[in-house]
Amino acid sequence: MKLFLIFGAINGFLAVALGAFGAHGLEGRISEKAIATWEKAVTYQMFHTMALLVTAILLARFQGDGLLATSGWMFFAGIILFSGSLYIYAVTSIKTFAMITPIGGVAFLIGWVLVGIAVMKNL
């Protein structure tokens, strides 16, 4: 639980910082399409930062629930793979990084399914 709170705080900070950097530091340096890609990465990072925090709160309530713990790890992996690959792709245009993005998306989906199952099981 504590670890996901820490991951949430770090990722929340990073999402805000990377959003500001994209808006101010990258403007005019990369294409509008690349800026849109960067913004998508920031958006998904922030949404799933909130998912990490909610997962931590649920873990405090339903201690020892392996599904919730796994969902937290899936959200964290998704942030790294989905948002991370989009950040790198936006500034490099190397398509290999864009091919990693769907793996992160699947991690997000798994995380949400596991949260849903855990909540149904525990309520």
PDB file of N, CA and C in Angstrom:
ATOM      1  N   MET A   1       0.817  -1.186   0.000  1.00  0.00           N
ATOM      2  CA  MET A   1       0.000   0.000   0.000  1.00  0.00           C
ATOM      3  C   MET A   1       0.865   1.255   0.000  1.00  0.00           C
ATOM      4  N   LYS A   2       1.812   1.338   0.928  1.00  0.00           N
ATOM      5  CA  LYS A   2       2.660   2.522   1.038  1.00  0.00           C
ATOM      6  C   LYS A   2       3.443   2.755  -0.252  1.00  0.00           C
ATOM      7  N   LEU A   3       3.898   1.678  -0.858  1.00  0.00           N
ATOM      8  CA  LEU A   3       4.680   1.784  -2.088  1.00  0.00           C
ATOM      9  C   LEU A   3       3.857   2.423  -3.209  1.00  0.00           C
ATOM     10  N   PHE A   4       2.581   2.050  -3.325  1.00  0.00           N
ATOM     11  CA  PHE A   4       1.740   2.632  -4.368  1.00  0.00           C
ATOM     12  C   PHE A   4       1.426   4.097  -4.087  1.00  0.00           C
ATOM     13  N   LEU A   5       1.357   4.466  -2.823  1.00  0.00           N
ATOM     14  CA  LEU A   5       1.201   5.888  -2.487  1.00  0.00           C
ATOM     15  C   LEU A   5       2.438   6.679  -2.918  1.00  0.00           C
ATOM     16  N   ILE A   6       3.604   6.096  -2.670  1.00  0.00           N
ATOM     17  CA  ILE A   6       4.860   6.748  -3.084  1.00  0.00           C
ATOM     18  C   ILE A   6       4.925   6.834  -4.604  1.00  0.00           C
ATOM     19  N   PHE A   7       4.619   5.720  -5.284  1.00  0.00           N
ATOM     20  CA  PHE A   7       4.608   5.736  -6.755  1.00  0.00           C
ATOM     21  C   PHE A   7       3.615   6.769  -7.272  1.00  0.00           C
ATOM     22  N   GLY A   8       2.467   6.870  -6.626  1.00  0.00           N
ATOM     23  CA  GLY A   8       1.462   7.849  -7.032  1.00  0.00           C
ATOM     24  C   GLY A   8       1.968   9.271  -6.889  1.00  0.00           C
ATOM     25  N   ALA A   9       2.600   9.562  -5.752  1.00  0.00           N
ATOM     26  CA  ALA A   9       3.132  10.912  -5.530  1.00  0.00           C
ATOM     27  C   ALA A   9       4.214  11.252  -6.553  1.00  0.00           C
ATOM     28  N   ILE A  10       5.110  10.321  -6.794  1.00  0.00           N
ATOM     29  CA  ILE A  10       6.187  10.556  -7.765  1.00  0.00           C
ATOM     30  C   ILE A  10       5.613  10.748  -9.162  1.00  0.00           C
ATOM     31  N   ASN A  11       4.687   9.879  -9.545  1.00  0.00           N
ATOM     32  CA  ASN A  11       4.115   9.984 -10.887  1.00  0.00           C
ATOM     33  C   ASN A  11       3.238  11.215 -11.057  1.00  0.00           C
ATOM     34  N   GLY A  12       2.552  11.639 -10.000  1.00  0.00           N
ATOM     35  CA  GLY A  12       1.791  12.877 -10.074  1.00  0.00           C
ATOM     36  C   GLY A  12       2.707  14.059 -10.316  1.00  0.00           C
ATOM     37  N   PHE A  13       3.804  14.114  -9.569  1.00  0.00           N
ATOM     38  CA  PHE A  13       4.801  15.165  -9.770  1.00  0.00           C
ATOM     39  C   PHE A  13       5.344  15.141 -11.198  1.00  0.00           C
ATOM     40  N   LEU A  14       5.732  13.946 -11.646  1.00  0.00           N
ATOM     41  CA  LEU A  14       6.300  13.819 -12.994  1.00  0.00           C
ATOM     42  C   LEU A  14       5.296  14.204 -14.080  1.00  0.00           C
ATOM     43  N   ALA A  15       4.036  13.829 -13.911  1.00  0.00           N
ATOM     44  CA  ALA A  15       3.024  14.167 -14.916  1.00  0.00           C
ATOM     45  C   ALA A  15       2.867  15.681 -15.040  1.00  0.00           C
ATOM     46  N   VAL A  16       2.839  16.364 -13.911  1.00  0.00           N
ATOM     47  CA  VAL A  16       2.722  17.833 -13.947  1.00  0.00           C
ATOM     48  C   VAL A  16       3.981  18.446 -14.561  1.00  0.00           C
ATOM     49  N   ALA A  17       5.148  17.980 -14.132  1.00  0.00           N
ATOM     50  CA  ALA A  17       6.410  18.525 -14.650  1.00  0.00           C
ATOM     51  C   ALA A  17       6.557  18.250 -16.149  1.00  0.00           C
ATOM     52  N   LEU A  18       6.236  17.033 -16.577  1.00  0.00           N
ATOM     53  CA  LEU A  18       6.361  16.697 -17.998  1.00  0.00           C
ATOM     54  C   LEU A  18       5.307  17.423 -18.829  1.00  0.00           C
ATOM     55  N   GLY A  19       4.136  17.641 -18.258  1.00  0.00           N
ATOM     56  CA  GLY A  19       3.116  18.425 -18.952  1.00  0.00           C
ATOM     57  C   GLY A  19       3.588  19.852 -19.175  1.00  0.00           C
ATOM     58  N   ALA A  20       4.163  20.458 -18.150  1.00  0.00           N
ATOM     59  CA  ALA A  20       4.679  21.824 -18.270  1.00  0.00           C
ATOM     60  C   ALA A  20       5.844  21.879 -19.260  1.00  0.00           C
ATOM     61  N   PHE A  21       6.719  20.870 -19.187  1.00  0.00           N
ATOM     62  CA  PHE A  21       7.841  20.835 -20.117  1.00  0.00           C
ATOM     63  C   PHE A  21       7.357  20.717 -21.560  1.00  0.00           C
ATOM     64  N   GLY A  22       6.348  19.871 -21.768  1.00  0.00           N
ATOM     65  CA  GLY A  22       5.795  19.719 -23.119  1.00  0.00           C
ATOM     66  C   GLY A  22       5.183  21.005 -23.627  1.00  0.00           C
ATOM     67  N   ALA A  23       4.481  21.708 -22.760  1.00  0.00           N
ATOM     68  CA  ALA A  23       3.801  22.942 -23.164  1.00  0.00           C
ATOM     69  C   ALA A  23       4.774  24.091 -23.394  1.00  0.00           C
ATOM     70  N   HIS A  24       5.840  24.137 -22.615  1.00  0.00           N
ATOM     71  CA  HIS A  24       6.734  25.292 -22.689  1.00  0.00           C
ATOM     72  C   HIS A  24       8.110  24.974 -23.275  1.00  0.00           C
ATOM     73  N   GLY A  25       8.640  23.809 -22.942  1.00  0.00           N
ATOM     74  CA  GLY A  25       9.990  23.474 -23.388  1.00  0.00           C
ATOM     75  C   GLY A  25      10.065  22.857 -24.767  1.00  0.00           C
ATOM     76  N   LEU A  26       8.987  22.204 -25.184  1.00  0.00           N
ATOM     77  CA  LEU A  26       9.017  21.529 -26.482  1.00  0.00           C
ATOM     78  C   LEU A  26       8.328  22.325 -27.592  1.00  0.00           C
ATOM     79  N   GLU A  27       7.576  23.343 -27.211  1.00  0.00           N
ATOM     80  CA  GLU A  27       6.857  24.139 -28.207  1.00  0.00           C
ATOM     81  C   GLU A  27       7.845  24.721 -29.218  1.00  0.00           C
ATOM     82  N   GLY A  28       7.558  24.472 -30.487  1.00  0.00           N
ATOM     83  CA  GLY A  28       8.423  24.952 -31.563  1.00  0.00           C
ATOM     84  C   GLY A  28       9.624  24.065 -31.834  1.00  0.00           C
ATOM     85  N   ARG A  29       9.856  23.083 -31.000  1.00  0.00           N
ATOM     86  CA  ARG A  29      11.004  22.177 -31.184  1.00  0.00           C
ATOM     87  C   ARG A  29      10.600  20.849 -31.808  1.00  0.00           C
ATOM     88  N   ILE A  30       9.344  20.465 -31.586  1.00  0.00           N
ATOM     89  CA  ILE A  30       8.830  19.244 -32.204  1.00  0.00           C
ATOM     90  C   ILE A  30       7.508  19.582 -32.886  1.00  0.00           C
ATOM     91  N   SER A  31       7.052  18.691 -33.747  1.00  0.00           N
ATOM     92  CA  SER A  31       5.837  18.945 -34.528  1.00  0.00           C
ATOM     93  C   SER A  31       4.596  18.989 -33.640  1.00  0.00           C
ATOM     94  N   GLU A  32       3.533  19.539 -34.195  1.00  0.00           N
ATOM     95  CA  GLU A  32       2.254  19.570 -33.472  1.00  0.00           C
ATOM     96  C   GLU A  32       1.759  18.155 -33.185  1.00  0.00           C
ATOM     97  N   LYS A  33       1.980  17.244 -34.127  1.00  0.00           N
ATOM     98  CA  LYS A  33       1.583  15.852 -33.918  1.00  0.00           C
ATOM     99  C   LYS A  33       2.364  15.253 -32.745  1.00  0.00           C
ATOM    100  N   ALA A  34       3.645  15.563 -32.661  1.00  0.00           N
ATOM    101  CA  ALA A  34       4.467  15.059 -31.563  1.00  0.00           C
ATOM    102  C   ALA A  34       4.028  15.671 -30.232  1.00  0.00           C
ATOM    103  N   ILE A  35       3.644  16.946 -30.245  1.00  0.00           N
ATOM    104  CA  ILE A  35       3.122  17.594 -29.030  1.00  0.00           C
ATOM    105  C   ILE A  35       1.841  16.888 -28.575  1.00  0.00           C
ATOM    106  N   ALA A  36       0.974  16.555 -29.536  1.00  0.00           N
ATOM    107  CA  ALA A  36      -0.270  15.841 -29.200  1.00  0.00           C
ATOM    108  C   ALA A  36       0.050  14.476 -28.590  1.00  0.00           C
ATOM    109  N   THR A  37       1.053  13.803 -29.106  1.00  0.00           N
ATOM    110  CA  THR A  37       1.487  12.516 -28.556  1.00  0.00           C
ATOM    111  C   THR A  37       1.992  12.698 -27.136  1.00  0.00           C
ATOM    112  N   TRP A  38       2.798  13.727 -26.919  1.00  0.00           N
ATOM    113  CA  TRP A  38       3.318  14.046 -25.587  1.00  0.00           C
ATOM    114  C   TRP A  38       2.158  14.285 -24.606  1.00  0.00           C
ATOM    115  N   GLU A  39       1.172  15.074 -25.051  1.00  0.00           N
ATOM    116  CA  GLU A  39       0.015  15.378 -24.209  1.00  0.00           C
ATOM    117  C   GLU A  39      -0.781  14.117 -23.861  1.00  0.00           C
ATOM    118  N   LYS A  40      -0.898  13.208 -24.816  1.00  0.00           N
ATOM    119  CA  LYS A  40      -1.590  11.935 -24.544  1.00  0.00           C
ATOM    120  C   LYS A  40      -0.832  11.160 -23.465  1.00  0.00           C
ATOM    121  N   ALA A  41       0.485  11.154 -23.544  1.00  0.00           N
ATOM    122  CA  ALA A  41       1.296  10.463 -22.536  1.00  0.00           C
ATOM    123  C   ALA A  41       1.066  11.074 -21.154  1.00  0.00           C
ATOM    124  N   VAL A  42       1.041  12.407 -21.080  1.00  0.00           N
ATOM    125  CA  VAL A  42       0.813  13.090 -19.809  1.00  0.00           C
ATOM    126  C   VAL A  42      -0.573  12.751 -19.258  1.00  0.00           C
ATOM    127  N   THR A  43      -1.575  12.784 -20.120  1.00  0.00           N
ATOM    128  CA  THR A  43      -2.948  12.510 -19.696  1.00  0.00           C
ATOM    129  C   THR A  43      -3.074  11.109 -19.120  1.00  0.00           C
ATOM    130  N   TYR A  44      -2.554  10.120 -19.841  1.00  0.00           N
ATOM    131  CA  TYR A  44      -2.655   8.749 -19.352  1.00  0.00           C
ATOM    132  C   TYR A  44      -1.811   8.532 -18.102  1.00  0.00           C
ATOM    133  N   GLN A  45      -0.685   9.207 -18.009  1.00  0.00           N
ATOM    134  CA  GLN A  45       0.124   9.091 -16.799  1.00  0.00           C
ATOM    135  C   GLN A  45      -0.650   9.632 -15.597  1.00  0.00           C
ATOM    136  N   MET A  46      -1.300  10.781 -15.758  1.00  0.00           N
ATOM    137  CA  MET A  46      -2.031  11.359 -14.630  1.00  0.00           C
ATOM    138  C   MET A  46      -3.253  10.514 -14.258  1.00  0.00           C
ATOM    139  N   PHE A  47      -4.009  10.041 -15.255  1.00  0.00           N
ATOM    140  CA  PHE A  47      -5.157   9.186 -14.939  1.00  0.00           C
ATOM    141  C   PHE A  47      -4.721   7.961 -14.134  1.00  0.00           C
ATOM    142  N   HIS A  48      -3.637   7.363 -14.550  1.00  0.00           N
ATOM    143  CA  HIS A  48      -3.225   6.123 -13.907  1.00  0.00           C
ATOM    144  C   HIS A  48      -2.420   6.374 -12.638  1.00  0.00           C
ATOM    145  N   THR A  49      -1.950   7.592 -12.454  1.00  0.00           N
ATOM    146  CA  THR A  49      -1.427   8.000 -11.152  1.00  0.00           C
ATOM    147  C   THR A  49      -2.570   7.986 -10.143  1.00  0.00           C
ATOM    148  N   MET A  50      -3.715   8.512 -10.560  1.00  0.00           N
ATOM    149  CA  MET A  50      -4.894   8.477  -9.685  1.00  0.00           C
ATOM    150  C   MET A  50      -5.311   7.032  -9.410  1.00  0.00           C
ATOM    151  N   ALA A  51      -5.199   6.173 -10.412  1.00  0.00           N
ATOM    152  CA  ALA A  51      -5.529   4.753 -10.224  1.00  0.00           C
ATOM    153  C   ALA A  51      -4.594   4.116  -9.198  1.00  0.00           C
ATOM    154  N   LEU A  52      -3.309   4.482  -9.237  1.00  0.00           N
ATOM    155  CA  LEU A  52      -2.366   3.976  -8.234  1.00  0.00           C
ATOM    156  C   LEU A  52      -2.781   4.406  -6.828  1.00  0.00           C
ATOM    157  N   LEU A  53      -3.171   5.658  -6.681  1.00  0.00           N
ATOM    158  CA  LEU A  53      -3.571   6.169  -5.372  1.00  0.00           C
ATOM    159  C   LEU A  53      -4.844   5.479  -4.875  1.00  0.00           C
ATOM    160  N   VAL A  54      -5.807   5.292  -5.765  1.00  0.00           N
ATOM    161  CA  VAL A  54      -7.039   4.589  -5.386  1.00  0.00           C
ATOM    162  C   VAL A  54      -6.722   3.143  -5.012  1.00  0.00           C
ATOM    163  N   THR A  55      -5.838   2.520  -5.757  1.00  0.00           N
ATOM    164  CA  THR A  55      -5.441   1.148  -5.446  1.00  0.00           C
ATOM    165  C   THR A  55      -4.816   1.080  -4.057  1.00  0.00           C
ATOM    166  N   ALA A  56      -3.979   2.043  -3.724  1.00  0.00           N
ATOM    167  CA  ALA A  56      -3.356   2.070  -2.399  1.00  0.00           C
ATOM    168  C   ALA A  56      -4.414   2.206  -1.306  1.00  0.00           C
ATOM    169  N   ILE A  57      -5.401   3.054  -1.535  1.00  0.00           N
ATOM    170  CA  ILE A  57      -6.483   3.233  -0.554  1.00  0.00           C
ATOM    171  C   ILE A  57      -7.296   1.941  -0.406  1.00  0.00           C
ATOM    172  N   LEU A  58      -7.601   1.311  -1.540  1.00  0.00           N
ATOM    173  CA  LEU A  58      -8.342   0.042  -1.479  1.00  0.00           C
ATOM    174  C   LEU A  58      -7.533  -1.043  -0.777  1.00  0.00           C
ATOM    175  N   LEU A  59      -6.229  -1.049  -1.007  1.00  0.00           N
ATOM    176  CA  LEU A  59      -5.380  -2.039  -0.330  1.00  0.00           C
ATOM    177  C   LEU A  59      -5.387  -1.822   1.180  1.00  0.00           C
ATOM    178  N   ALA A  60      -5.473  -0.575   1.616  1.00  0.00           N
ATOM    179  CA  ALA A  60      -5.546  -0.299   3.055  1.00  0.00           C
ATOM    180  C   ALA A  60      -6.852  -0.848   3.628  1.00  0.00           C
ATOM    181  N   ARG A  61      -7.890  -0.796   2.840  1.00  0.00           N
ATOM    182  CA  ARG A  61      -9.209  -1.282   3.295  1.00  0.00           C
ATOM    183  C   ARG A  61      -9.308  -2.807   3.218  1.00  0.00           C
ATOM    184  N   PHE A  62      -8.788  -3.365   2.140  1.00  0.00           N
ATOM    185  CA  PHE A  62      -8.873  -4.814   1.909  1.00  0.00           C
ATOM    186  C   PHE A  62      -7.463  -5.396   1.927  1.00  0.00           C
ATOM    187  N   GLN A  63      -6.845  -5.366   3.081  1.00  0.00           N
ATOM    188  CA  GLN A  63      -5.449  -5.776   3.206  1.00  0.00           C
ATOM    189  C   GLN A  63      -5.227  -7.202   2.722  1.00  0.00           C
ATOM    190  N   GLY A  64      -4.116  -7.374   2.048  1.00  0.00           N
ATOM    191  CA  GLY A  64      -3.734  -8.694   1.594  1.00  0.00           C
ATOM    192  C   GLY A  64      -4.407  -9.151   0.319  1.00  0.00           C
ATOM    193  N   ASP A  65      -5.139  -8.269  -0.352  1.00  0.00           N
ATOM    194  CA  ASP A  65      -5.805  -8.667  -1.590  1.00  0.00           C
ATOM    195  C   ASP A  65      -4.781  -8.661  -2.726  1.00  0.00           C
ATOM    196  N   GLY A  66      -4.437  -9.852  -3.180  1.00  0.00           N
ATOM    197  CA  GLY A  66      -3.437  -9.987  -4.239  1.00  0.00           C
ATOM    198  C   GLY A  66      -3.869  -9.385  -5.559  1.00  0.00           C
ATOM    199  N   LEU A  67      -5.176  -9.409  -5.831  1.00  0.00           N
ATOM    200  CA  LEU A  67      -5.666  -8.805  -7.078  1.00  0.00           C
ATOM    201  C   LEU A  67      -5.407  -7.307  -7.094  1.00  0.00           C
ATOM    202  N   LEU A  68      -5.640  -6.665  -5.954  1.00  0.00           N
ATOM    203  CA  LEU A  68      -5.398  -5.225  -5.878  1.00  0.00           C
ATOM    204  C   LEU A  68      -3.911  -4.908  -6.005  1.00  0.00           C
ATOM    205  N   ALA A  69      -3.083  -5.689  -5.343  1.00  0.00           N
ATOM    206  CA  ALA A  69      -1.640  -5.472  -5.450  1.00  0.00           C
ATOM    207  C   ALA A  69      -1.176  -5.641  -6.896  1.00  0.00           C
ATOM    208  N   THR A  70      -1.683  -6.675  -7.543  1.00  0.00           N
ATOM    209  CA  THR A  70      -1.310  -6.899  -8.940  1.00  0.00           C
ATOM    210  C   THR A  70      -1.810  -5.756  -9.820  1.00  0.00           C
ATOM    211  N   SER A  71      -3.007  -5.252  -9.535  1.00  0.00           N
ATOM    212  CA  SER A  71      -3.523  -4.132 -10.328  1.00  0.00           C
ATOM    213  C   SER A  71      -2.630  -2.907 -10.182  1.00  0.00           C
ATOM    214  N   GLY A  72      -2.138  -2.648  -8.968  1.00  0.00           N
ATOM    215  CA  GLY A  72      -1.220  -1.524  -8.769  1.00  0.00           C
ATOM    216  C   GLY A  72       0.042  -1.669  -9.604  1.00  0.00           C
ATOM    217  N   TRP A  73       0.578  -2.886  -9.629  1.00  0.00           N
ATOM    218  CA  TRP A  73       1.773  -3.135 -10.450  1.00  0.00           C
ATOM    219  C   TRP A  73       1.461  -2.983 -11.941  1.00  0.00           C
ATOM    220  N   MET A  74       0.278  -3.384 -12.354  1.00  0.00           N
ATOM    221  CA  MET A  74      -0.119  -3.227 -13.755  1.00  0.00           C
ATOM    222  C   MET A  74      -0.237  -1.742 -14.120  1.00  0.00           C
ATOM    223  N   PHE A  75      -0.819  -0.940 -13.228  1.00  0.00           N
ATOM    224  CA  PHE A  75      -0.910   0.499 -13.491  1.00  0.00           C
ATOM    225  C   PHE A  75       0.481   1.118 -13.578  1.00  0.00           C
ATOM    226  N   PHE A  76       1.356   0.715 -12.671  1.00  0.00           N
ATOM    227  CA  PHE A  76       2.715   1.257 -12.672  1.00  0.00           C
ATOM    228  C   PHE A  76       3.462   0.853 -13.949  1.00  0.00           C
ATOM    229  N   ALA A  77       3.357  -0.422 -14.313  1.00  0.00           N
ATOM    230  CA  ALA A  77       3.997  -0.885 -15.554  1.00  0.00           C
ATOM    231  C   ALA A  77       3.401  -0.181 -16.762  1.00  0.00           C
ATOM    232  N   GLY A  78       2.085   0.010 -16.751  1.00  0.00           N
ATOM    233  CA  GLY A  78       1.427   0.707 -17.853  1.00  0.00           C
ATOM    234  C   GLY A  78       1.922   2.129 -18.013  1.00  0.00           C
ATOM    235  N   ILE A  79       2.117   2.827 -16.896  1.00  0.00           N
ATOM    236  CA  ILE A  79       2.645   4.194 -16.970  1.00  0.00           C
ATOM    237  C   ILE A  79       4.012   4.185 -17.633  1.00  0.00           C
ATOM    238  N   ILE A  80       4.867   3.281 -17.202  1.00  0.00           N
ATOM    239  CA  ILE A  80       6.223   3.221 -17.764  1.00  0.00           C
ATOM    240  C   ILE A  80       6.174   2.867 -19.249  1.00  0.00           C
ATOM    241  N   LEU A  81       5.431   1.814 -19.584  1.00  0.00           N
ATOM    242  CA  LEU A  81       5.421   1.330 -20.965  1.00  0.00           C
ATOM    243  C   LEU A  81       4.603   2.229 -21.896  1.00  0.00           C
ATOM    244  N   PHE A  82       3.412   2.631 -21.474  1.00  0.00           N
ATOM    245  CA  PHE A  82       2.545   3.433 -22.340  1.00  0.00           C
ATOM    246  C   PHE A  82       3.055   4.873 -22.416  1.00  0.00           C
ATOM    247  N   SER A  83       3.047   5.539 -21.277  1.00  0.00           N
ATOM    248  CA  SER A  83       3.453   6.945 -21.293  1.00  0.00           C
ATOM    249  C   SER A  83       4.936   7.091 -21.620  1.00  0.00           C
ATOM    250  N   GLY A  84       5.747   6.248 -21.018  1.00  0.00           N
ATOM    251  CA  GLY A  84       7.191   6.334 -21.278  1.00  0.00           C
ATOM    252  C   GLY A  84       7.531   6.178 -22.747  1.00  0.00           C
ATOM    253  N   SER A  85       6.915   5.197 -23.404  1.00  0.00           N
ATOM    254  CA  SER A  85       7.211   4.993 -24.830  1.00  0.00           C
ATOM    255  C   SER A  85       6.699   6.165 -25.665  1.00  0.00           C
ATOM    256  N   LEU A  86       5.564   6.744 -25.282  1.00  0.00           N
ATOM    257  CA  LEU A  86       5.051   7.899 -26.032  1.00  0.00           C
ATOM    258  C   LEU A  86       5.937   9.128 -25.841  1.00  0.00           C
ATOM    259  N   TYR A  87       6.461   9.340 -24.642  1.00  0.00           N
ATOM    260  CA  TYR A  87       7.374  10.466 -24.426  1.00  0.00           C
ATOM    261  C   TYR A  87       8.595  10.331 -25.327  1.00  0.00           C
ATOM    262  N   ILE A  88       9.175   9.144 -25.338  1.00  0.00           N
ATOM    263  CA  ILE A  88      10.377   8.926 -26.151  1.00  0.00           C
ATOM    264  C   ILE A  88      10.047   9.044 -27.636  1.00  0.00           C
ATOM    265  N   TYR A  89       8.935   8.457 -28.052  1.00  0.00           N
ATOM    266  CA  TYR A  89       8.523   8.536 -29.457  1.00  0.00           C
ATOM    267  C   TYR A  89       8.287   9.982 -29.886  1.00  0.00           C
ATOM    268  N   ALA A  90       7.670  10.770 -29.025  1.00  0.00           N
ATOM    269  CA  ALA A  90       7.365  12.166 -29.369  1.00  0.00           C
ATOM    270  C   ALA A  90       8.632  12.957 -29.679  1.00  0.00           C
ATOM    271  N   VAL A  91       9.703  12.694 -28.968  1.00  0.00           N
ATOM    272  CA  VAL A  91      10.926  13.479 -29.183  1.00  0.00           C
ATOM    273  C   VAL A  91      11.915  12.838 -30.151  1.00  0.00           C
ATOM    274  N   THR A  92      11.757  11.538 -30.438  1.00  0.00           N
ATOM    275  CA  THR A  92      12.703  10.882 -31.338  1.00  0.00           C
ATOM    276  C   THR A  92      12.109  10.465 -32.676  1.00  0.00           C
ATOM    277  N   SER A  93      10.794  10.258 -32.721  1.00  0.00           N
ATOM    278  CA  SER A  93      10.087   9.728 -33.895  1.00  0.00           C
ATOM    279  C   SER A  93      10.539   8.319 -34.276  1.00  0.00           C
ATOM    280  N   ILE A  94      11.173   7.608 -33.361  1.00  0.00           N
ATOM    281  CA  ILE A  94      11.593   6.231 -33.615  1.00  0.00           C
ATOM    282  C   ILE A  94      10.380   5.322 -33.387  1.00  0.00           C
ATOM    283  N   LYS A  95       9.898   4.711 -34.455  1.00  0.00           N
ATOM    284  CA  LYS A  95       8.656   3.945 -34.414  1.00  0.00           C
ATOM    285  C   LYS A  95       8.689   2.748 -33.468  1.00  0.00           C
ATOM    286  N   THR A  96       9.861   2.220 -33.187  1.00  0.00           N
ATOM    287  CA  THR A  96       9.972   1.092 -32.262  1.00  0.00           C
ATOM    288  C   THR A  96       9.331   1.435 -30.924  1.00  0.00           C
ATOM    289  N   PHE A  97       9.511   2.673 -30.486  1.00  0.00           N
ATOM    290  CA  PHE A  97       8.926   3.078 -29.206  1.00  0.00           C
ATOM    291  C   PHE A  97       7.409   3.103 -29.277  1.00  0.00           C
ATOM    292  N   ALA A  98       6.856   3.514 -30.412  1.00  0.00           N
ATOM    293  CA  ALA A  98       5.396   3.530 -30.571  1.00  0.00           C
ATOM    294  C   ALA A  98       4.829   2.113 -30.536  1.00  0.00           C
ATOM    295  N   MET A  99       5.636   1.124 -30.912  1.00  0.00           N
ATOM    296  CA  MET A  99       5.163  -0.258 -30.897  1.00  0.00           C
ATOM    297  C   MET A  99       5.108  -0.835 -29.481  1.00  0.00           C
ATOM    298  N   ILE A 100       5.784  -0.190 -28.531  1.00  0.00           N
ATOM    299  CA  ILE A 100       5.747  -0.629 -27.135  1.00  0.00           C
ATOM    300  C   ILE A 100       4.466  -0.145 -26.457  1.00  0.00           C
ATOM    301  N   THR A 101       3.942   0.964 -26.928  1.00  0.00           N
ATOM    302  CA  THR A 101       2.791   1.619 -26.305  1.00  0.00           C
ATOM    303  C   THR A 101       1.613   0.676 -26.060  1.00  0.00           C
ATOM    304  N   PRO A 102       1.204  -0.153 -27.031  1.00  0.00           N
ATOM    305  CA  PRO A 102       0.055  -1.041 -26.775  1.00  0.00           C
ATOM    306  C   PRO A 102       0.272  -2.021 -25.624  1.00  0.00           C
ATOM    307  N   ILE A 103       1.509  -2.403 -25.362  1.00  0.00           N
ATOM    308  CA  ILE A 103       1.787  -3.295 -24.234  1.00  0.00           C
ATOM    309  C   ILE A 103       1.419  -2.580 -22.935  1.00  0.00           C
ATOM    310  N   GLY A 104       1.757  -1.303 -22.860  1.00  0.00           N
ATOM    311  CA  GLY A 104       1.361  -0.514 -21.697  1.00  0.00           C
ATOM    312  C   GLY A 104      -0.144  -0.366 -21.597  1.00  0.00           C
ATOM    313  N   GLY A 105      -0.798  -0.206 -22.749  1.00  0.00           N
ATOM    314  CA  GLY A 105      -2.258  -0.117 -22.759  1.00  0.00           C
ATOM    315  C   GLY A 105      -2.907  -1.392 -22.235  1.00  0.00           C
ATOM    316  N   VAL A 106      -2.353  -2.529 -22.601  1.00  0.00           N
ATOM    317  CA  VAL A 106      -2.868  -3.804 -22.099  1.00  0.00           C
ATOM    318  C   VAL A 106      -2.651  -3.897 -20.590  1.00  0.00           C
ATOM    319  N   ALA A 107      -1.511  -3.425 -20.115  1.00  0.00           N
ATOM    320  CA  ALA A 107      -1.261  -3.417 -18.663  1.00  0.00           C
ATOM    321  C   ALA A 107      -2.314  -2.569 -17.953  1.00  0.00           C
ATOM    322  N   PHE A 108      -2.652  -1.402 -18.519  1.00  0.00           N
ATOM    323  CA  PHE A 108      -3.714  -0.577 -17.940  1.00  0.00           C
ATOM    324  C   PHE A 108      -5.035  -1.346 -17.886  1.00  0.00           C
ATOM    325  N   LEU A 109      -5.382  -1.989 -18.991  1.00  0.00           N
ATOM    326  CA  LEU A 109      -6.642  -2.740 -19.045  1.00  0.00           C
ATOM    327  C   LEU A 109      -6.687  -3.854 -18.005  1.00  0.00           C
ATOM    328  N   ILE A 110      -5.591  -4.574 -17.883  1.00  0.00           N
ATOM    329  CA  ILE A 110      -5.519  -5.643 -16.879  1.00  0.00           C
ATOM    330  C   ILE A 110      -5.692  -5.053 -15.485  1.00  0.00           C
ATOM    331  N   GLY A 111      -5.031  -3.937 -15.224  1.00  0.00           N
ATOM    332  CA  GLY A 111      -5.160  -3.285 -13.928  1.00  0.00           C
ATOM    333  C   GLY A 111      -6.593  -2.936 -13.596  1.00  0.00           C
ATOM    334  N   TRP A 112      -7.316  -2.368 -14.570  1.00  0.00           N
ATOM    335  CA  TRP A 112      -8.721  -2.002 -14.330  1.00  0.00           C
ATOM    336  C   TRP A 112      -9.601  -3.230 -14.106  1.00  0.00           C
ATOM    337  N   VAL A 113      -9.374  -4.285 -14.880  1.00  0.00           N
ATOM    338  CA  VAL A 113     -10.157  -5.512 -14.694  1.00  0.00           C
ATOM    339  C   VAL A 113      -9.907  -6.084 -13.298  1.00  0.00           C
ATOM    340  N   LEU A 114      -8.663  -6.105 -12.884  1.00  0.00           N
ATOM    341  CA  LEU A 114      -8.345  -6.652 -11.564  1.00  0.00           C
ATOM    342  C   LEU A 114      -8.948  -5.818 -10.437  1.00  0.00           C
ATOM    343  N   VAL A 115      -8.949  -4.498 -10.583  1.00  0.00           N
ATOM    344  CA  VAL A 115      -9.597  -3.645  -9.578  1.00  0.00           C
ATOM    345  C   VAL A 115     -11.086  -3.980  -9.510  1.00  0.00           C
ATOM    346  N   GLY A 116     -11.716  -4.105 -10.671  1.00  0.00           N
ATOM    347  CA  GLY A 116     -13.142  -4.440 -10.701  1.00  0.00           C
ATOM    348  C   GLY A 116     -13.448  -5.761 -10.035  1.00  0.00           C
ATOM    349  N   ILE A 117     -12.653  -6.774 -10.328  1.00  0.00           N
ATOM    350  CA  ILE A 117     -12.860  -8.097  -9.720  1.00  0.00           C
ATOM    351  C   ILE A 117     -12.640  -8.020  -8.211  1.00  0.00           C
ATOM    352  N   ALA A 118     -11.574  -7.337  -7.796  1.00  0.00           N
ATOM    353  CA  ALA A 118     -11.277  -7.231  -6.372  1.00  0.00           C
ATOM    354  C   ALA A 118     -12.386  -6.510  -5.613  1.00  0.00           C
ATOM    355  N   VAL A 119     -12.900  -5.461  -6.192  1.00  0.00           N
ATOM    356  CA  VAL A 119     -13.971  -4.716  -5.529  1.00  0.00           C
ATOM    357  C   VAL A 119     -15.227  -5.582  -5.431  1.00  0.00           C
ATOM    358  N   MET A 120     -15.583  -6.279  -6.504  1.00  0.00           N
ATOM    359  CA  MET A 120     -16.767  -7.154  -6.458  1.00  0.00           C
ATOM    360  C   MET A 120     -16.580  -8.273  -5.427  1.00  0.00           C
ATOM    361  N   LYS A 121     -15.372  -8.781  -5.330  1.00  0.00           N
ATOM    362  CA  LYS A 121     -15.076  -9.858  -4.390  1.00  0.00           C
ATOM    363  C   LYS A 121     -15.139  -9.381  -2.929  1.00  0.00           C
ATOM    364  N   ASN A 122     -14.743  -8.158  -2.679  1.00  0.00           N
ATOM    365  CA  ASN A 122     -14.618  -7.654  -1.312  1.00  0.00           C
ATOM    366  C   ASN A 122     -15.824  -6.859  -0.819  1.00  0.00           C
ATOM    367  N   LEU A 123     -16.729  -6.497  -1.681  1.00  0.00           N
ATOM    368  CA  LEU A 123     -17.888  -5.722  -1.214  1.00  0.00           C
ATOM    369  C   LEU A 123     -19.109  -6.571  -1.057  1.00  0.00           C
TER     370      LEU A 123
END
